[in-house]
Amino acid sequence: ERDVEPAREELLERVLGEAEEERVVGEGRERELNVSLSTDDPLMFHHTKEPLMEEYCVARQVWRLSSCDLAEIARNSVLQSSFEPCVKAAWIGRNYRLGGTEGNDIQKTNLPNLRVHFRHTLLVEERHLLITCRVVPCAISTLPPSVRSTP
C-alpha cells in the first residue's frame, strides 16, 4: 500500500540530456504522483557545498515550483528516505506516520493542511476505487482485447 515514489536528481538528468517532456517530476506533478528530490554524485555534478539545495533550486526554476510545491517535495523526500524514524520525526513532526492532516506538522514542514488534505483525500478515493474494481472483475473482461492489453 505505498504510493508511487519517483525520486529525481535534476542536475544529473540535465547533464545526461534526458528529454524534458519525459521527466518524471513534470509528469508526476501532472498525474498527482508522490515526487521527491535527491542528489547523486555531488562531487561530480554540483558546484556548491549544498548539493541538495542546488537540486531544489534547479527544480524550482525548471518546473516553476511554488514554495508550497517545494515544501511538499521536501516532506515526500523525508518520508521516502531511509533515515531512522526519530530523525524523520525531528524533521517533519512526531506524527508523520499518520495519514492526512493529522500527520502534518505545519510548523516543521511549512506545508499547508489544505494541500495535505487534498492529497490524502485523493489517495483514499483511489484506493477505494481499486477495491471496488476488484469486486467487479467482469468489467475488464467486457473490454475489447486491444484495450485490455494496453499497459
C-alpha atoms as a PDB file:
ATOM      1  CA  GLU A   1       0.000   0.000   0.000  1.00  0.00           C
ATOM      2  CA  ARG A   2       2.688   2.516  -0.932  1.00  0.00           C
ATOM      3  CA  ASP A   3       2.327   5.488  -3.220  1.00  0.00           C
ATOM      4  CA  VAL A   4       4.370   5.654  -6.389  1.00  0.00           C
ATOM      5  CA  GLU A   5       7.545   7.396  -5.272  1.00  0.00           C
ATOM      6  CA  PRO A   6       9.788   8.578  -8.085  1.00  0.00           C
ATOM      7  CA  ALA A   7      12.931  10.413  -6.962  1.00  0.00           C
ATOM      8  CA  ARG A   8      14.867  12.724  -9.244  1.00  0.00           C
ATOM      9  CA  GLU A   9      18.329  14.209  -9.467  1.00  0.00           C
ATOM     10  CA  GLU A  10      17.652  17.261 -11.621  1.00  0.00           C
ATOM     11  CA  LEU A  11      21.263  18.257 -12.271  1.00  0.00           C
ATOM     12  CA  LEU A  12      22.261  14.715 -13.181  1.00  0.00           C
ATOM     13  CA  GLU A  13      19.303  14.452 -15.554  1.00  0.00           C
ATOM     14  CA  ARG A  14      20.251  17.756 -17.208  1.00  0.00           C
ATOM     15  CA  VAL A  15      23.855  16.628 -17.651  1.00  0.00           C
ATOM     16  CA  LEU A  16      22.770  13.314 -19.129  1.00  0.00           C
ATOM     17  CA  GLY A  17      20.444  15.169 -21.508  1.00  0.00           C
ATOM     18  CA  GLU A  18      17.128  13.457 -20.814  1.00  0.00           C
ATOM     19  CA  ALA A  19      14.294  14.997 -22.856  1.00  0.00           C
ATOM     20  CA  GLU A  20      12.290  17.479 -20.815  1.00  0.00           C
ATOM     21  CA  GLU A  21       8.898  16.009 -21.701  1.00  0.00           C
ATOM     22  CA  GLU A  22       9.987  12.605 -20.378  1.00  0.00           C
ATOM     23  CA  ARG A  23      10.985  13.843 -16.930  1.00  0.00           C
ATOM     24  CA  VAL A  24       9.171  12.293 -14.011  1.00  0.00           C
ATOM     25  CA  VAL A  25       8.886  15.497 -11.990  1.00  0.00           C
ATOM     26  CA  GLY A  26       6.763  17.309 -14.558  1.00  0.00           C
ATOM     27  CA  GLU A  27       4.688  14.280 -15.455  1.00  0.00           C
ATOM     28  CA  GLY A  28       4.470  13.236 -11.821  1.00  0.00           C
ATOM     29  CA  ARG A  29       3.093  16.573 -10.745  1.00  0.00           C
ATOM     30  CA  GLU A  30       0.557  16.492 -13.583  1.00  0.00           C
ATOM     31  CA  ARG A  31      -0.549  13.000 -12.572  1.00  0.00           C
ATOM     32  CA  GLU A  32      -0.527  13.779  -8.834  1.00  0.00           C
ATOM     33  CA  LEU A  33       2.302  11.331  -8.075  1.00  0.00           C
ATOM     34  CA  ASN A  34       4.309  11.442  -4.876  1.00  0.00           C
ATOM     35  CA  VAL A  35       7.552  13.066  -6.092  1.00  0.00           C
ATOM     36  CA  SER A  36      10.794  13.608  -4.179  1.00  0.00           C
ATOM     37  CA  LEU A  37      14.219  15.056  -4.956  1.00  0.00           C
ATOM     38  CA  SER A  38      17.621  13.632  -4.144  1.00  0.00           C
ATOM     39  CA  THR A  39      21.206  14.140  -5.168  1.00  0.00           C
ATOM     40  CA  ASP A  40      23.708  11.774  -6.724  1.00  0.00           C
ATOM     41  CA  ASP A  41      27.473  12.108  -7.115  1.00  0.00           C
ATOM     42  CA  PRO A  42      27.671  15.567  -5.507  1.00  0.00           C
ATOM     43  CA  LEU A  43      31.374  15.929  -6.309  1.00  0.00           C
ATOM     44  CA  MET A  44      30.750  15.280  -9.986  1.00  0.00           C
ATOM     45  CA  PHE A  45      27.588  17.216 -10.814  1.00  0.00           C
ATOM     46  CA  HIS A  46      27.304  20.020  -8.269  1.00  0.00           C
ATOM     47  CA  HIS A  47      29.045  23.342  -7.856  1.00  0.00           C
ATOM     48  CA  THR A  48      28.182  24.328  -4.270  1.00  0.00           C
ATOM     49  CA  LYS A  49      28.724  22.994  -0.758  1.00  0.00           C
ATOM     50  CA  GLU A  50      24.982  22.230  -0.563  1.00  0.00           C
ATOM     51  CA  PRO A  51      24.215  19.834  -3.468  1.00  0.00           C
ATOM     52  CA  LEU A  52      20.698  19.023  -2.288  1.00  0.00           C
ATOM     53  CA  MET A  53      19.794  22.707  -2.056  1.00  0.00           C
ATOM     54  CA  GLU A  54      21.196  23.069  -5.549  1.00  0.00           C
ATOM     55  CA  GLU A  55      18.824  20.308  -6.738  1.00  0.00           C
ATOM     56  CA  TYR A  56      15.862  22.150  -5.221  1.00  0.00           C
ATOM     57  CA  CYS A  57      16.907  25.447  -6.832  1.00  0.00           C
ATOM     58  CA  VAL A  58      17.241  23.846 -10.244  1.00  0.00           C
ATOM     59  CA  ALA A  59      13.923  22.004  -9.851  1.00  0.00           C
ATOM     60  CA  ARG A  60      12.209  25.231  -8.810  1.00  0.00           C
ATOM     61  CA  GLN A  61      13.460  27.031 -11.908  1.00  0.00           C
ATOM     62  CA  VAL A  62      12.910  24.179 -14.379  1.00  0.00           C
ATOM     63  CA  TRP A  63       9.412  23.289 -13.193  1.00  0.00           C
ATOM     64  CA  ARG A  64       8.348  26.737 -11.914  1.00  0.00           C
ATOM     65  CA  LEU A  65       7.583  25.289  -8.487  1.00  0.00           C
ATOM     66  CA  SER A  66       5.959  27.341  -5.753  1.00  0.00           C
ATOM     67  CA  SER A  67       7.128  27.378  -2.136  1.00  0.00           C
ATOM     68  CA  CYS A  68       4.228  25.067  -1.338  1.00  0.00           C
ATOM     69  CA  ASP A  69       5.347  22.629  -4.067  1.00  0.00           C
ATOM     70  CA  LEU A  70       8.898  22.628  -2.691  1.00  0.00           C
ATOM     71  CA  ALA A  71       7.640  22.051   0.854  1.00  0.00           C
ATOM     72  CA  GLU A  72       5.587  19.077  -0.331  1.00  0.00           C
ATOM     73  CA  ILE A  73       8.517  17.609  -2.268  1.00  0.00           C
ATOM     74  CA  ALA A  74      10.801  18.089   0.745  1.00  0.00           C
ATOM     75  CA  ARG A  75       8.309  16.310   3.020  1.00  0.00           C
ATOM     76  CA  ASN A  76       7.940  13.473   0.492  1.00  0.00           C
ATOM     77  CA  SER A  77      11.725  13.195   0.302  1.00  0.00           C
ATOM     78  CA  VAL A  78      11.994  12.767   4.070  1.00  0.00           C
ATOM     79  CA  LEU A  79       9.139  10.244   4.138  1.00  0.00           C
ATOM     80  CA  GLN A  80      10.788   8.188   1.380  1.00  0.00           C
ATOM     81  CA  SER A  81      14.267   8.384   2.880  1.00  0.00           C
ATOM     82  CA  SER A  82      15.953   5.626   4.842  1.00  0.00           C
ATOM     83  CA  PHE A  83      16.557   7.852   7.857  1.00  0.00           C
ATOM     84  CA  GLU A  84      15.578   6.446  11.230  1.00  0.00           C
ATOM     85  CA  PRO A  85      12.077   7.266  12.476  1.00  0.00           C
ATOM     86  CA  CYS A  86      13.454   9.536  15.225  1.00  0.00           C
ATOM     87  CA  VAL A  87      15.259  11.653  12.600  1.00  0.00           C
ATOM     88  CA  LYS A  88      12.149  11.853  10.426  1.00  0.00           C
ATOM     89  CA  ALA A  89      10.113  12.864  13.476  1.00  0.00           C
ATOM     90  CA  ALA A  90      12.600  15.615  14.292  1.00  0.00           C
ATOM     91  CA  TRP A  91      12.447  16.972  10.752  1.00  0.00           C
ATOM     92  CA  ILE A  92       8.752  16.699   9.858  1.00  0.00           C
ATOM     93  CA  GLY A  93       6.940  16.078  13.155  1.00  0.00           C
ATOM     94  CA  ARG A  94       6.359  13.230  15.565  1.00  0.00           C
ATOM     95  CA  ASN A  95       3.040  12.181  13.981  1.00  0.00           C
ATOM     96  CA  TYR A  96       4.476  11.904  10.455  1.00  0.00           C
ATOM     97  CA  ARG A  97       3.229   8.309  10.078  1.00  0.00           C
ATOM     98  CA  LEU A  98      -0.415   9.340  10.386  1.00  0.00           C
ATOM     99  CA  GLY A  99      -2.357   9.999   7.214  1.00  0.00           C
ATOM    100  CA  GLY A 100      -3.869  13.300   6.257  1.00  0.00           C
ATOM    101  CA  THR A 101      -3.597  16.481   8.252  1.00  0.00           C
ATOM    102  CA  GLU A 102      -3.027  14.543  11.490  1.00  0.00           C
ATOM    103  CA  GLY A 103       0.415  13.598  10.178  1.00  0.00           C
ATOM    104  CA  ASN A 104       1.369  17.102   9.068  1.00  0.00           C
ATOM    105  CA  ASP A 105       3.209  19.390  11.493  1.00  0.00           C
ATOM    106  CA  ILE A 106       2.877  22.657   9.622  1.00  0.00           C
ATOM    107  CA  GLN A 107       5.471  24.289  11.914  1.00  0.00           C
ATOM    108  CA  LYS A 108       8.105  21.817  10.674  1.00  0.00           C
ATOM    109  CA  THR A 109       7.004  21.092   7.096  1.00  0.00           C
ATOM    110  CA  ASN A 110       5.683  24.528   6.101  1.00  0.00           C
ATOM    111  CA  LEU A 111       3.127  22.561   4.104  1.00  0.00           C
ATOM    112  CA  PRO A 112      -0.458  23.869   4.344  1.00  0.00           C
ATOM    113  CA  ASN A 113      -3.019  21.426   5.740  1.00  0.00           C
ATOM    114  CA  LEU A 114      -5.236  22.160   2.746  1.00  0.00           C
ATOM    115  CA  ARG A 115      -2.646  20.601   0.395  1.00  0.00           C
ATOM    116  CA  VAL A 116      -2.156  17.605   2.703  1.00  0.00           C
ATOM    117  CA  HIS A 117      -5.925  17.117   2.994  1.00  0.00           C
ATOM    118  CA  PHE A 118      -6.318  17.268  -0.795  1.00  0.00           C
ATOM    119  CA  ARG A 119      -3.573  14.652  -1.393  1.00  0.00           C
ATOM    120  CA  HIS A 120      -4.901  12.359   1.313  1.00  0.00           C
ATOM    121  CA  THR A 121      -8.483  12.595   0.021  1.00  0.00           C
ATOM    122  CA  LEU A 122      -7.333  11.684  -3.498  1.00  0.00           C
ATOM    123  CA  LEU A 123      -5.340   8.728  -2.161  1.00  0.00           C
ATOM    124  CA  VAL A 124      -8.302   7.412  -0.161  1.00  0.00           C
ATOM    125  CA  GLU A 125     -10.624   7.779  -3.172  1.00  0.00           C
ATOM    126  CA  GLU A 126      -8.183   5.991  -5.482  1.00  0.00           C
ATOM    127  CA  ARG A 127      -7.714   3.126  -3.015  1.00  0.00           C
ATOM    128  CA  HIS A 128     -11.490   2.822  -2.711  1.00  0.00           C
ATOM    129  CA  LEU A 129     -11.755   2.716  -6.498  1.00  0.00           C
ATOM    130  CA  LEU A 130      -9.175  -0.083  -6.656  1.00  0.00           C
ATOM    131  CA  ILE A 131     -11.008  -2.100  -4.011  1.00  0.00           C
ATOM    132  CA  THR A 132     -14.316  -1.553  -5.790  1.00  0.00           C
ATOM    133  CA  CYS A 133     -12.805  -2.681  -9.105  1.00  0.00           C
ATOM    134  CA  ARG A 134     -11.604  -5.913  -7.513  1.00  0.00           C
ATOM    135  CA  VAL A 135     -15.174  -6.749  -6.589  1.00  0.00           C
ATOM    136  CA  VAL A 136     -16.317  -6.421 -10.226  1.00  0.00           C
ATOM    137  CA  PRO A 137     -13.756  -8.435 -12.258  1.00  0.00           C
ATOM    138  CA  CYS A 138     -16.182  -8.857 -15.160  1.00  0.00           C
ATOM    139  CA  ALA A 139     -15.836  -5.158 -16.039  1.00  0.00           C
ATOM    140  CA  ILE A 140     -12.378  -5.798 -17.508  1.00  0.00           C
ATOM    141  CA  SER A 141     -13.462  -8.893 -19.436  1.00  0.00           C
ATOM    142  CA  THR A 142     -16.092  -6.861 -21.330  1.00  0.00           C
ATOM    143  CA  LEU A 143     -13.434  -4.546 -22.793  1.00  0.00           C
ATOM    144  CA  PRO A 144     -12.093  -5.221 -26.305  1.00  0.00           C
ATOM    145  CA  PRO A 145      -8.769  -7.145 -26.322  1.00  0.00           C
ATOM    146  CA  SER A 146      -6.864  -4.155 -27.713  1.00  0.00           C
ATOM    147  CA  VAL A 147      -7.850  -2.059 -24.679  1.00  0.00           C
ATOM    148  CA  ARG A 148      -7.141  -4.844 -22.148  1.00  0.00           C
ATOM    149  CA  SER A 149      -3.595  -5.338 -23.404  1.00  0.00           C
ATOM    150  CA  THR A 150      -2.702  -1.647 -23.071  1.00  0.00           C
ATOM    151  CA  PRO A 151      -0.260  -1.115 -20.148  1.00  0.00           C
END
